[in-house]
Amino acid sequence: MTNGAYRRLSGLLHLGGRSPLLETDDNGLIHLVTSDDLSSFEGARVVVEGHLSGTDRLNLTWIGRAPA
């Protein structure tokens, strides 16, 4: 069940630990909740979309590489 605000964020994707982590452009840290394999995005600048769950978790619905 997702009832948080829908957001589009960009930043650098880090893998490791229990969940993928997005270091946002404003230096925030957001844990991404997904069952998808994001290894092809590791270390890349990405754009993500999804519903916020609390202040630091995003239920991921879409991810793509950020434009250069």
Protein backbone atom coordinates (compact mmCIF):
# COMPACT_ATOMS: atom_id res chain seq x y z
CA MET A 1 0.00 0.00 0.00
CA THR A 2 1.43 3.37 -1.02
CA ASN A 3 -0.15 6.55 0.24
CA GLY A 4 2.85 8.90 0.30
CA ALA A 5 3.41 11.79 -2.07
CA TYR A 6 4.62 10.90 -5.56
CA ARG A 7 8.09 12.32 -6.19
CA ARG A 8 10.66 12.56 -8.96
CA LEU A 9 14.23 12.82 -7.67
CA SER A 10 17.69 12.76 -9.22
CA GLY A 11 21.12 11.91 -7.92
CA LEU A 12 23.80 9.26 -7.70
CA LEU A 13 22.81 5.62 -7.12
CA HIS A 14 24.80 3.56 -4.59
CA LEU A 15 24.36 -0.18 -4.06
CA GLY A 16 25.32 -2.11 -0.97
CA GLY A 17 23.78 -2.76 2.37
CA ARG A 18 20.13 -3.69 2.59
CA SER A 19 18.69 -1.37 -0.05
CA PRO A 20 19.82 0.80 -2.94
CA LEU A 21 20.58 4.35 -1.86
CA LEU A 22 20.07 7.56 -3.81
CA GLU A 23 22.36 10.46 -2.91
CA THR A 24 20.18 13.33 -4.10
CA ASP A 25 21.42 16.47 -5.80
CA ASP A 26 20.81 18.41 -2.57
CA ASN A 27 22.95 15.91 -0.57
CA GLY A 28 20.02 13.99 0.91
CA LEU A 29 19.98 10.20 1.24
CA ILE A 30 16.93 8.22 0.13
CA HIS A 31 16.56 4.45 0.48
CA LEU A 32 14.91 2.92 -2.59
CA VAL A 33 12.40 0.13 -1.98
CA THR A 34 12.30 -2.25 -4.95
CA SER A 35 12.68 -5.88 -5.92
CA ASP A 36 14.28 -4.91 -9.25
CA ASP A 37 17.95 -5.52 -9.99
CA LEU A 38 19.50 -2.04 -10.18
CA SER A 39 23.09 -3.19 -10.71
CA SER A 40 23.20 -1.68 -14.21
CA PHE A 41 22.67 1.76 -12.61
CA GLU A 42 25.32 1.42 -9.88
CA GLY A 43 27.43 4.58 -9.61
CA ALA A 44 25.38 6.36 -12.28
CA ARG A 45 23.44 9.61 -12.13
CA VAL A 46 19.79 8.61 -12.28
CA VAL A 47 16.26 9.97 -12.13
CA VAL A 48 13.79 8.01 -9.99
CA GLU A 49 10.05 8.21 -9.45
CA GLY A 50 7.88 6.72 -6.75
CA HIS A 51 5.86 7.24 -3.59
CA LEU A 52 7.54 8.50 -0.44
CA SER A 53 7.24 6.30 2.62
CA GLY A 54 8.38 8.36 5.57
CA THR A 55 11.13 10.91 5.14
CA ASP A 56 13.87 8.74 3.68
CA ARG A 57 12.28 5.87 1.72
CA LEU A 58 10.91 5.85 -1.80
CA ASN A 59 8.83 2.98 -3.17
CA LEU A 60 10.38 2.92 -6.62
CA THR A 61 8.11 2.80 -9.67
CA TRP A 62 10.57 4.00 -12.34
CA ILE A 63 14.32 4.60 -12.77
CA GLY A 64 16.34 5.91 -15.70
CA ARG A 65 19.72 7.46 -16.42
CA ALA A 66 19.85 11.21 -15.89
CA PRO A 67 20.59 13.30 -18.97
CA ALA A 68 24.22 14.39 -19.25
